[in-house]
PDB file of all heavy atoms in Angstrom:
ATOM      1  N   THR A   1      93.468  97.448 102.884  1.00  0.00           N
ATOM      2  CA  THR A   1      93.327  96.026 103.119  1.00  0.00           C
ATOM      3  C   THR A   1      94.515  95.338 102.469  1.00  0.00           C
ATOM      4  O   THR A   1      94.831  95.579 101.325  1.00  0.00           O
ATOM      5  CB  THR A   1      92.012  95.511 102.491  1.00  0.00           C
ATOM      6  OG1 THR A   1      90.934  96.221 103.085  1.00  0.00           O
ATOM      7  CG2 THR A   1      91.851  94.025 102.729  1.00  0.00           C
ATOM      8  N   VAL A   2      95.185  94.458 103.209  1.00  0.00           N
ATOM      9  CA  VAL A   2      96.391  93.825 102.693  1.00  0.00           C
ATOM     10  C   VAL A   2      96.085  92.982 101.465  1.00  0.00           C
ATOM     11  O   VAL A   2      95.048  92.360 101.369  1.00  0.00           O
ATOM     12  CB  VAL A   2      97.043  92.941 103.778  1.00  0.00           C
ATOM     13  CG1 VAL A   2      96.191  91.757 104.128  1.00  0.00           C
ATOM     14  CG2 VAL A   2      98.416  92.476 103.335  1.00  0.00           C
ATOM     15  N   ARG A   3      97.013  92.994 100.522  1.00  0.00           N
ATOM     16  CA  ARG A   3      96.882  92.161  99.335  1.00  0.00           C
ATOM     17  C   ARG A   3      98.138  91.311  99.214  1.00  0.00           C
ATOM     18  O   ARG A   3      99.248  91.827  99.175  1.00  0.00           O
ATOM     19  CB  ARG A   3      96.693  93.017  98.076  1.00  0.00           C
ATOM     20  CG  ARG A   3      95.391  93.798  98.118  1.00  0.00           C
ATOM     21  CD  ARG A   3      95.085  94.415  96.772  1.00  0.00           C
ATOM     22  NE  ARG A   3      93.846  95.147  96.815  1.00  0.00           N
ATOM     23  CZ  ARG A   3      92.648  94.595  96.680  1.00  0.00           C
ATOM     24  NH1 ARG A   3      92.544  93.299  96.500  1.00  0.00           N
ATOM     25  NH2 ARG A   3      91.562  95.318  96.734  1.00  0.00           N
ATOM     26  N   CYS A   4      97.966  90.031  99.164  1.00  0.00           N
ATOM     27  CA  CYS A   4      99.094  89.122  99.155  1.00  0.00           C
ATOM     28  C   CYS A   4      99.946  89.327  97.920  1.00  0.00           C
ATOM     29  O   CYS A   4      99.444  89.298  96.797  1.00  0.00           O
ATOM     30  CB  CYS A   4      98.575  87.697  99.192  1.00  0.00           C
ATOM     31  SG  CYS A   4      99.856  86.475  98.916  1.00  0.00           S
ATOM     32  N   GLY A   5     101.231  89.565  98.120  1.00  0.00           N
ATOM     33  CA  GLY A   5     102.123  89.806  97.003  1.00  0.00           C
ATOM     34  C   GLY A   5     102.320  88.584  96.141  1.00  0.00           C
ATOM     35  O   GLY A   5     102.721  88.689  94.979  1.00  0.00           O
ATOM     36  N   LEU A   6     102.053  87.381  96.658  1.00  0.00           N
ATOM     37  CA  LEU A   6     102.249  86.153  95.907  1.00  0.00           C
ATOM     38  C   LEU A   6     100.929  85.585  95.384  1.00  0.00           C
ATOM     39  O   LEU A   6     100.883  84.479  94.890  1.00  0.00           O
ATOM     40  CB  LEU A   6     102.923  85.100  96.797  1.00  0.00           C
ATOM     41  CG  LEU A   6     104.268  85.522  97.401  1.00  0.00           C
ATOM     42  CD1 LEU A   6     104.781  84.406  98.296  1.00  0.00           C
ATOM     43  CD2 LEU A   6     105.268  85.835  96.309  1.00  0.00           C
ATOM     44  N   ARG A   7      99.857  86.404  95.490  1.00  0.00           N
ATOM     45  CA  ARG A   7      98.535  85.888  95.148  1.00  0.00           C
ATOM     46  C   ARG A   7      98.485  85.366  93.716  1.00  0.00           C
ATOM     47  O   ARG A   7      97.909  84.312  93.450  1.00  0.00           O
ATOM     48  CB  ARG A   7      97.478  86.987  95.330  1.00  0.00           C
ATOM     49  CG  ARG A   7      96.102  86.584  94.832  1.00  0.00           C
ATOM     50  CD  ARG A   7      95.094  87.696  94.982  1.00  0.00           C
ATOM     51  NE  ARG A   7      94.815  87.944  96.383  1.00  0.00           N
ATOM     52  CZ  ARG A   7      93.935  88.837  96.771  1.00  0.00           C
ATOM     53  NH1 ARG A   7      93.305  89.579  95.897  1.00  0.00           N
ATOM     54  NH2 ARG A   7      93.710  89.026  98.059  1.00  0.00           N
ATOM     55  N   SER A   8      99.088  86.083  92.767  1.00  0.00           N
ATOM     56  CA  SER A   8      98.980  85.685  91.378  1.00  0.00           C
ATOM     57  C   SER A   8      99.601  84.319  91.132  1.00  0.00           C
ATOM     58  O   SER A   8      99.235  83.616  90.202  1.00  0.00           O
ATOM     59  CB  SER A   8      99.654  86.722  90.483  1.00  0.00           C
ATOM     60  OG  SER A   8     101.014  86.845  90.831  1.00  0.00           O
ATOM     61  N   ARG A   9     100.565  83.926  91.963  1.00  0.00           N
ATOM     62  CA  ARG A   9     101.229  82.649  91.773  1.00  0.00           C
ATOM     63  C   ARG A   9     100.586  81.523  92.567  1.00  0.00           C
ATOM     64  O   ARG A   9     100.556  80.380  92.131  1.00  0.00           O
ATOM     65  CB  ARG A   9     102.711  82.766  92.174  1.00  0.00           C
ATOM     66  CG  ARG A   9     103.522  83.516  91.134  1.00  0.00           C
ATOM     67  CD  ARG A   9     104.955  83.621  91.578  1.00  0.00           C
ATOM     68  NE  ARG A   9     105.108  84.623  92.632  1.00  0.00           N
ATOM     69  CZ  ARG A   9     106.214  84.750  93.348  1.00  0.00           C
ATOM     70  NH1 ARG A   9     107.226  83.953  93.146  1.00  0.00           N
ATOM     71  NH2 ARG A   9     106.291  85.688  94.268  1.00  0.00           N
ATOM     72  N   CYS A  10     100.114  81.829  93.788  1.00  0.00           N
ATOM     73  CA  CYS A  10      99.606  80.743  94.619  1.00  0.00           C
ATOM     74  C   CYS A  10      98.095  80.685  94.679  1.00  0.00           C
ATOM     75  O   CYS A  10      97.535  79.793  95.288  1.00  0.00           O
ATOM     76  CB  CYS A  10     100.173  80.837  96.037  1.00  0.00           C
ATOM     77  SG  CYS A  10      99.576  82.256  96.955  1.00  0.00           S
ATOM     78  N   CYS A  11      97.407  81.664  94.068  1.00  0.00           N
ATOM     79  CA  CYS A  11      95.939  81.675  94.086  1.00  0.00           C
ATOM     80  C   CYS A  11      95.449  81.817  92.653  1.00  0.00           C
ATOM     81  O   CYS A  11      95.088  82.915  92.239  1.00  0.00           O
ATOM     82  CB  CYS A  11      95.406  82.811  94.951  1.00  0.00           C
ATOM     83  SG  CYS A  11      96.073  82.840  96.606  1.00  0.00           S
ATOM     84  N   ALA A  12      95.464  80.771  91.894  1.00  0.00           N
ATOM     85  CA  ALA A  12      95.144  80.853  90.479  1.00  0.00           C
ATOM     86  C   ALA A  12      93.664  81.091  90.248  1.00  0.00           C
ATOM     87  O   ALA A  12      93.290  81.850  89.363  1.00  0.00           O
ATOM     88  CB  ALA A  12      95.579  79.566  89.785  1.00  0.00           C
ATOM     89  N   ALA A  13      92.819  80.437  90.998  1.00  0.00           N
ATOM     90  CA  ALA A  13      91.384  80.563  90.781  1.00  0.00           C
ATOM     91  C   ALA A  13      90.824  81.705  91.603  1.00  0.00           C
ATOM     92  O   ALA A  13      91.000  81.754  92.803  1.00  0.00           O
ATOM     93  CB  ALA A  13      90.678  79.266  91.168  1.00  0.00           C
ATOM     94  N   GLN A  14      90.146  82.652  90.967  1.00  0.00           N
ATOM     95  CA  GLN A  14      89.609  83.821  91.669  1.00  0.00           C
ATOM     96  C   GLN A  14      88.629  83.414  92.762  1.00  0.00           C
ATOM     97  O   GLN A  14      88.566  84.042  93.819  1.00  0.00           O
ATOM     98  CB  GLN A  14      88.899  84.748  90.676  1.00  0.00           C
ATOM     99  CG  GLN A  14      89.855  85.487  89.767  1.00  0.00           C
ATOM    100  CD  GLN A  14      89.118  86.481  88.901  1.00  0.00           C
ATOM    101  OE1 GLN A  14      87.903  86.425  88.775  1.00  0.00           O
ATOM    102  NE2 GLN A  14      89.859  87.386  88.307  1.00  0.00           N
ATOM    103  N   LEU A  15      87.870  82.388  92.549  1.00  0.00           N
ATOM    104  CA  LEU A  15      86.873  81.981  93.531  1.00  0.00           C
ATOM    105  C   LEU A  15      87.500  81.292  94.735  1.00  0.00           C
ATOM    106  O   LEU A  15      86.826  81.020  95.718  1.00  0.00           O
ATOM    107  CB  LEU A  15      85.847  81.047  92.879  1.00  0.00           C
ATOM    108  CG  LEU A  15      84.997  81.662  91.776  1.00  0.00           C
ATOM    109  CD1 LEU A  15      84.061  80.613  91.194  1.00  0.00           C
ATOM    110  CD2 LEU A  15      84.218  82.851  92.292  1.00  0.00           C
ATOM    111  N   GLU A  16      88.808  80.998  94.671  1.00  0.00           N
ATOM    112  CA  GLU A  16      89.462  80.312  95.765  1.00  0.00           C
ATOM    113  C   GLU A  16      90.592  81.146  96.348  1.00  0.00           C
ATOM    114  O   GLU A  16      91.537  80.623  96.933  1.00  0.00           O
ATOM    115  CB  GLU A  16      90.014  78.969  95.270  1.00  0.00           C
ATOM    116  CG  GLU A  16      88.932  78.036  94.761  1.00  0.00           C
ATOM    117  CD  GLU A  16      89.502  76.747  94.199  1.00  0.00           C
ATOM    118  OE1 GLU A  16      90.738  76.659  94.115  1.00  0.00           O
ATOM    119  OE2 GLU A  16      88.728  75.856  93.854  1.00  0.00           O
ATOM    120  N   VAL A  17      90.523  82.464  96.179  1.00  0.00           N
ATOM    121  CA  VAL A  17      91.610  83.340  96.605  1.00  0.00           C
ATOM    122  C   VAL A  17      91.899  83.178  98.094  1.00  0.00           C
ATOM    123  O   VAL A  17      93.042  83.013  98.508  1.00  0.00           O
ATOM    124  CB  VAL A  17      91.265  84.810  96.289  1.00  0.00           C
ATOM    125  CG1 VAL A  17      92.209  85.740  97.028  1.00  0.00           C
ATOM    126  CG2 VAL A  17      91.366  85.065  94.805  1.00  0.00           C
ATOM    127  N   VAL A  18      90.866  83.211  98.913  1.00  0.00           N
ATOM    128  CA  VAL A  18      91.082  83.146 100.356  1.00  0.00           C
ATOM    129  C   VAL A  18      91.333  81.730 100.833  1.00  0.00           C
ATOM    130  O   VAL A  18      92.251  81.454 101.601  1.00  0.00           O
ATOM    131  CB  VAL A  18      89.872  83.742 101.106  1.00  0.00           C
ATOM    132  CG1 VAL A  18      90.033  83.564 102.595  1.00  0.00           C
ATOM    133  CG2 VAL A  18      89.736  85.219 100.767  1.00  0.00           C
ATOM    134  N   SER A  19      90.530  80.783 100.339  1.00  0.00           N
ATOM    135  CA  SER A  19      90.609  79.433 100.872  1.00  0.00           C
ATOM    136  C   SER A  19      91.854  78.676 100.446  1.00  0.00           C
ATOM    137  O   SER A  19      92.347  77.829 101.182  1.00  0.00           O
ATOM    138  CB  SER A  19      89.367  78.642 100.450  1.00  0.00           C
ATOM    139  OG  SER A  19      89.307  78.561  99.042  1.00  0.00           O
ATOM    140  N   SER A  20      92.388  78.950  99.244  1.00  0.00           N
ATOM    141  CA  SER A  20      93.494  78.143  98.760  1.00  0.00           C
ATOM    142  C   SER A  20      94.841  78.806  98.845  1.00  0.00           C
ATOM    143  O   SER A  20      95.842  78.190  98.529  1.00  0.00           O
ATOM    144  CB  SER A  20      93.242  77.745  97.301  1.00  0.00           C
ATOM    145  OG  SER A  20      93.280  78.897  96.479  1.00  0.00           O
ATOM    146  N   CYS A  21      94.906  80.081  99.272  1.00  0.00           N
ATOM    147  CA  CYS A  21      96.196  80.761  99.329  1.00  0.00           C
ATOM    148  C   CYS A  21      97.094  80.094 100.358  1.00  0.00           C
ATOM    149  O   CYS A  21      96.696  79.877 101.490  1.00  0.00           O
ATOM    150  CB  CYS A  21      96.007  82.236  99.680  1.00  0.00           C
ATOM    151  SG  CYS A  21      97.553  83.144  99.738  1.00  0.00           S
ATOM    152  N   SER A  22      98.312  79.775  99.930  1.00  0.00           N
ATOM    153  CA  SER A  22      99.226  79.067 100.822  1.00  0.00           C
ATOM    154  C   SER A  22     100.513  79.826 101.047  1.00  0.00           C
ATOM    155  O   SER A  22     101.504  79.263 101.460  1.00  0.00           O
ATOM    156  CB  SER A  22      99.563  77.693 100.221  1.00  0.00           C
ATOM    157  OG  SER A  22     100.158  77.858  98.936  1.00  0.00           O
ATOM    158  N   CYS A  23     100.504  81.137 100.759  1.00  0.00           N
ATOM    159  CA  CYS A  23     101.742  81.887 100.926  1.00  0.00           C
ATOM    160  C   CYS A  23     102.067  82.011 102.408  1.00  0.00           C
ATOM    161  O   CYS A  23     101.187  81.935 103.257  1.00  0.00           O
ATOM    162  CB  CYS A  23     101.642  83.270 100.295  1.00  0.00           C
ATOM    163  SG  CYS A  23     100.797  84.462 101.310  1.00  0.00           S
ATOM    164  N   SER A  24     103.333  82.230 102.711  1.00  0.00           N
ATOM    165  CA  SER A  24     103.770  82.269 104.106  1.00  0.00           C
ATOM    166  C   SER A  24     104.182  83.655 104.541  1.00  0.00           C
ATOM    167  O   SER A  24     104.916  83.819 105.497  1.00  0.00           O
ATOM    168  CB  SER A  24     104.957  81.312 104.288  1.00  0.00           C
ATOM    169  OG  SER A  24     106.025  81.680 103.421  1.00  0.00           O
ATOM    170  N   SER A  25     103.709  84.691 103.814  1.00  0.00           N
ATOM    171  CA  SER A  25     104.061  86.067 104.176  1.00  0.00           C
ATOM    172  C   SER A  25     103.618  86.368 105.591  1.00  0.00           C
ATOM    173  O   SER A  25     102.501  86.060 105.994  1.00  0.00           O
ATOM    174  CB  SER A  25     103.394  87.057 103.206  1.00  0.00           C
ATOM    175  OG  SER A  25     103.531  88.365 103.684  1.00  0.00           O
ATOM    176  N   THR A  26     104.490  86.998 106.387  1.00  0.00           N
ATOM    177  CA  THR A  26     104.153  87.289 107.788  1.00  0.00           C
ATOM    178  C   THR A  26     103.077  88.353 107.901  1.00  0.00           C
ATOM    179  O   THR A  26     102.485  88.507 108.954  1.00  0.00           O
ATOM    180  CB  THR A  26     105.400  87.783 108.540  1.00  0.00           C
ATOM    181  OG1 THR A  26     105.920  88.940 107.880  1.00  0.00           O
ATOM    182  CG2 THR A  26     106.459  86.704 108.592  1.00  0.00           C
ATOM    183  N   SER A  27     102.819  89.115 106.823  1.00  0.00           N
ATOM    184  CA  SER A  27     101.793  90.153 106.903  1.00  0.00           C
ATOM    185  C   SER A  27     100.461  89.677 106.367  1.00  0.00           C
ATOM    186  O   SER A  27      99.507  90.416 106.303  1.00  0.00           O
ATOM    187  CB  SER A  27     102.232  91.394 106.117  1.00  0.00           C
ATOM    188  OG  SER A  27     102.344  91.089 104.747  1.00  0.00           O
ATOM    189  N   HIS A  28     100.384  88.405 105.936  1.00  0.00           N
ATOM    190  CA  HIS A  28      99.139  87.877 105.383  1.00  0.00           C
ATOM    191  C   HIS A  28      98.698  86.701 106.239  1.00  0.00           C
ATOM    192  O   HIS A  28      99.250  85.605 106.157  1.00  0.00           O
ATOM    193  CB  HIS A  28      99.375  87.436 103.938  1.00  0.00           C
ATOM    194  CG  HIS A  28      98.149  86.859 103.286  1.00  0.00           C
ATOM    195  ND1 HIS A  28      97.811  85.531 103.376  1.00  0.00           N
ATOM    196  CD2 HIS A  28      97.190  87.448 102.531  1.00  0.00           C
ATOM    197  CE1 HIS A  28      96.703  85.308 102.687  1.00  0.00           C
ATOM    198  NE2 HIS A  28      96.307  86.440 102.181  1.00  0.00           N
ATOM    199  N   ILE A  29      97.735  86.927 107.133  1.00  0.00           N
ATOM    200  CA  ILE A  29      97.293  85.875 108.033  1.00  0.00           C
ATOM    201  C   ILE A  29      95.786  85.790 108.011  1.00  0.00           C
ATOM    202  O   ILE A  29      95.105  86.752 107.677  1.00  0.00           O
ATOM    203  CB  ILE A  29      97.766  86.144 109.482  1.00  0.00           C
ATOM    204  CG1 ILE A  29      97.257  87.523 109.944  1.00  0.00           C
ATOM    205  CG2 ILE A  29      99.262  86.075 109.602  1.00  0.00           C
ATOM    206  CD1 ILE A  29      97.583  87.831 111.378  1.00  0.00           C
ATOM    207  N   GLN A  30      95.257  84.653 108.333  1.00  0.00           N
ATOM    208  CA  GLN A  30      93.822  84.454 108.382  1.00  0.00           C
ATOM    209  C   GLN A  30      93.416  84.163 109.821  1.00  0.00           C
ATOM    210  O   GLN A  30      93.914  83.219 110.435  1.00  0.00           O
ATOM    211  CB  GLN A  30      93.408  83.285 107.480  1.00  0.00           C
ATOM    212  CG  GLN A  30      93.679  83.527 106.003  1.00  0.00           C
ATOM    213  CD  GLN A  30      92.860  84.670 105.457  1.00  0.00           C
ATOM    214  OE1 GLN A  30      91.754  84.920 105.911  1.00  0.00           O
ATOM    215  NE2 GLN A  30      93.404  85.376 104.483  1.00  0.00           N
ATOM    216  N   THR A  31      92.561  84.970 110.388  1.00  0.00           N
ATOM    217  CA  THR A  31      92.092  84.756 111.743  1.00  0.00           C
ATOM    218  C   THR A  31      90.598  84.992 111.788  1.00  0.00           C
ATOM    219  O   THR A  31      90.009  85.510 110.853  1.00  0.00           O
ATOM    220  CB  THR A  31      92.770  85.730 112.727  1.00  0.00           C
ATOM    221  OG1 THR A  31      92.404  87.064 112.340  1.00  0.00           O
ATOM    222  CG2 THR A  31      94.272  85.600 112.705  1.00  0.00           C
ATOM    223  N   SER A  32      89.989  84.668 112.886  1.00  0.00           N
ATOM    224  CA  SER A  32      88.575  84.965 113.051  1.00  0.00           C
ATOM    225  C   SER A  32      88.418  86.435 113.380  1.00  0.00           C
ATOM    226  O   SER A  32      89.353  87.100 113.801  1.00  0.00           O
ATOM    227  CB  SER A  32      87.993  84.122 114.189  1.00  0.00           C
ATOM    228  OG  SER A  32      88.542  84.543 115.424  1.00  0.00           O
ATOM    229  N   SER A  33      87.201  86.971 113.203  1.00  0.00           N
ATOM    230  CA  SER A  33      86.949  88.378 113.474  1.00  0.00           C
ATOM    231  C   SER A  33      87.283  88.735 114.915  1.00  0.00           C
ATOM    232  O   SER A  33      87.899  89.761 115.185  1.00  0.00           O
ATOM    233  CB  SER A  33      85.479  88.708 113.182  1.00  0.00           C
ATOM    234  OG  SER A  33      85.177  88.473 111.830  1.00  0.00           O
ATOM    235  N   THR A  34      86.868  87.882 115.845  1.00  0.00           N
ATOM    236  CA  THR A  34      87.088  88.167 117.260  1.00  0.00           C
ATOM    237  C   THR A  34      88.574  88.221 117.582  1.00  0.00           C
ATOM    238  O   THR A  34      89.043  89.144 118.255  1.00  0.00           O
ATOM    239  CB  THR A  34      86.404  87.104 118.130  1.00  0.00           C
ATOM    240  OG1 THR A  34      85.000  87.085 117.831  1.00  0.00           O
ATOM    241  CG2 THR A  34      86.606  87.413 119.599  1.00  0.00           C
ATOM    242  N   SER A  35      89.336  87.237 117.100  1.00  0.00           N
ATOM    243  CA  SER A  35      90.765  87.208 117.416  1.00  0.00           C
ATOM    244  C   SER A  35      91.497  88.373 116.764  1.00  0.00           C
ATOM    245  O   SER A  35      92.461  88.889 117.320  1.00  0.00           O
ATOM    246  CB  SER A  35      91.374  85.876 116.972  1.00  0.00           C
ATOM    247  OG  SER A  35      91.298  85.732 115.566  1.00  0.00           O
ATOM    248  N   TYR A  36      91.054  88.783 115.576  1.00  0.00           N
ATOM    249  CA  TYR A  36      91.725  89.898 114.902  1.00  0.00           C
ATOM    250  C   TYR A  36      91.472  91.211 115.642  1.00  0.00           C
ATOM    251  O   TYR A  36      92.367  92.037 115.791  1.00  0.00           O
ATOM    252  CB  TYR A  36      91.256  90.009 113.451  1.00  0.00           C
ATOM    253  CG  TYR A  36      92.036  91.023 112.654  1.00  0.00           C
ATOM    254  CD1 TYR A  36      93.433  90.934 112.546  1.00  0.00           C
ATOM    255  CD2 TYR A  36      91.401  92.075 112.006  1.00  0.00           C
ATOM    256  CE1 TYR A  36      94.154  91.863 111.812  1.00  0.00           C
ATOM    257  CE2 TYR A  36      92.118  93.005 111.273  1.00  0.00           C
ATOM    258  CZ  TYR A  36      93.489  92.891 111.177  1.00  0.00           C
ATOM    259  OH  TYR A  36      94.204  93.821 110.451  1.00  0.00           O
ATOM    260  N   LEU A  37      90.250  91.405 116.112  1.00  0.00           N
ATOM    261  CA  LEU A  37      89.952  92.606 116.886  1.00  0.00           C
ATOM    262  C   LEU A  37      90.763  92.624 118.182  1.00  0.00           C
ATOM    263  O   LEU A  37      91.228  93.678 118.619  1.00  0.00           O
ATOM    264  CB  LEU A  37      88.454  92.674 117.202  1.00  0.00           C
ATOM    265  CG  LEU A  37      87.537  92.935 116.006  1.00  0.00           C
ATOM    266  CD1 LEU A  37      86.073  92.855 116.425  1.00  0.00           C
ATOM    267  CD2 LEU A  37      87.818  94.293 115.384  1.00  0.00           C
ATOM    268  N   THR A  38      90.932  91.464 118.772  1.00  0.00           N
ATOM    269  CA  THR A  38      91.773  91.363 119.970  1.00  0.00           C
ATOM    270  C   THR A  38      93.221  91.705 119.645  1.00  0.00           C
ATOM    271  O   THR A  38      93.901  92.394 120.410  1.00  0.00           O
ATOM    272  CB  THR A  38      91.701  89.940 120.554  1.00  0.00           C
ATOM    273  OG1 THR A  38      90.343  89.623 120.873  1.00  0.00           O
ATOM    274  CG2 THR A  38      92.553  89.817 121.803  1.00  0.00           C
ATOM    275  N   LEU A  39      93.692  91.239 118.484  1.00  0.00           N
ATOM    276  CA  LEU A  39      95.053  91.539 118.049  1.00  0.00           C
ATOM    277  C   LEU A  39      95.225  93.031 117.785  1.00  0.00           C
ATOM    278  O   LEU A  39      96.249  93.631 118.137  1.00  0.00           O
ATOM    279  CB  LEU A  39      95.380  90.733 116.793  1.00  0.00           C
ATOM    280  CG  LEU A  39      96.831  90.788 116.300  1.00  0.00           C
ATOM    281  CD1 LEU A  39      97.767  90.168 117.321  1.00  0.00           C
ATOM    282  CD2 LEU A  39      96.942  90.070 114.952  1.00  0.00           C
ATOM    283  N   LEU A  40      94.219  93.652 117.178  1.00  0.00           N
ATOM    284  CA  LEU A  40      94.241  95.091 116.943  1.00  0.00           C
ATOM    285  C   LEU A  40      94.390  95.848 118.263  1.00  0.00           C
ATOM    286  O   LEU A  40      95.197  96.775 118.385  1.00  0.00           O
ATOM    287  CB  LEU A  40      92.954  95.539 116.239  1.00  0.00           C
ATOM    288  CG  LEU A  40      92.867  95.418 114.718  1.00  0.00           C
ATOM    289  CD1 LEU A  40      91.440  95.642 114.260  1.00  0.00           C
ATOM    290  CD2 LEU A  40      93.793  96.415 114.063  1.00  0.00           C
ATOM    291  N   ASP A  41      93.588  95.441 119.231  1.00  0.00           N
ATOM    292  CA  ASP A  41      93.595  96.106 120.531  1.00  0.00           C
ATOM    293  C   ASP A  41      94.928  95.914 121.250  1.00  0.00           C
ATOM    294  O   ASP A  41      95.519  96.874 121.757  1.00  0.00           O
ATOM    295  CB  ASP A  41      92.446  95.568 121.383  1.00  0.00           C
ATOM    296  CG  ASP A  41      92.347  96.271 122.727  1.00  0.00           C
ATOM    297  OD1 ASP A  41      91.697  97.328 122.794  1.00  0.00           O
ATOM    298  OD2 ASP A  41      92.921  95.755 123.706  1.00  0.00           O
ATOM    299  N   SER A  42      95.417  94.686 121.274  1.00  0.00           N
ATOM    300  CA  SER A  42      96.634  94.406 122.035  1.00  0.00           C
ATOM    301  C   SER A  42      97.873  95.038 121.395  1.00  0.00           C
ATOM    302  O   SER A  42      98.744  95.555 122.097  1.00  0.00           O
ATOM    303  CB  SER A  42      96.832  92.895 122.171  1.00  0.00           C
ATOM    304  OG  SER A  42      96.991  92.292 120.896  1.00  0.00           O
ATOM    305  N   SER A  43      97.960  95.024 120.070  1.00  0.00           N
ATOM    306  CA  SER A  43      99.136  95.587 119.400  1.00  0.00           C
ATOM    307  C   SER A  43      99.205  97.097 119.567  1.00  0.00           C
ATOM    308  O   SER A  43     100.277  97.673 119.814  1.00  0.00           O
ATOM    309  CB  SER A  43      99.133  95.215 117.919  1.00  0.00           C
ATOM    310  OG  SER A  43      97.953  95.667 117.287  1.00  0.00           O
ATOM    311  N   SER A  44      98.044  97.772 119.458  1.00  0.00           N
ATOM    312  CA  SER A  44      98.039  99.224 119.647  1.00  0.00           C
ATOM    313  C   SER A  44      98.277  99.589 121.117  1.00  0.00           C
ATOM    314  O   SER A  44      98.966 100.575 121.414  1.00  0.00           O
ATOM    315  CB  SER A  44      96.718  99.821 119.144  1.00  0.00           C
ATOM    316  OG  SER A  44      95.614  99.169 119.712  1.00  0.00           O
ATOM    317  N   THR A  45      97.738  98.783 122.030  1.00  0.00           N
ATOM    318  CA  THR A  45      97.958  99.032 123.454  1.00  0.00           C
ATOM    319  C   THR A  45      99.435  98.879 123.819  1.00  0.00           C
ATOM    320  O   THR A  45      99.981  99.674 124.603  1.00  0.00           O
ATOM    321  CB  THR A  45      97.114  98.074 124.307  1.00  0.00           C
ATOM    322  OG1 THR A  45      95.728  98.306 124.043  1.00  0.00           O
ATOM    323  CG2 THR A  45      97.377  98.285 125.788  1.00  0.00           C
ATOM    324  N   SER A  46     100.106  97.895 123.249  1.00  0.00           N
ATOM    325  CA  SER A  46     101.520  97.682 123.555  1.00  0.00           C
ATOM    326  C   SER A  46     102.375  98.857 123.086  1.00  0.00           C
ATOM    327  O   SER A  46     103.323  99.256 123.769  1.00  0.00           O
ATOM    328  CB  SER A  46     102.008  96.385 122.907  1.00  0.00           C
ATOM    329  OG  SER A  46     101.915  96.452 121.497  1.00  0.00           O
TER     330      SER A  46
END
């Protein structure tokens, strides 16, 4: 499971790790379950 490399700097409060993270890393994105499963399928299919 991906772990944001900038988490310690941009996510100070443990209880707000997901909601308040504002890093712009291209490998750290927030999507809905349905869209992520679609992304999994399409990227592997390509």
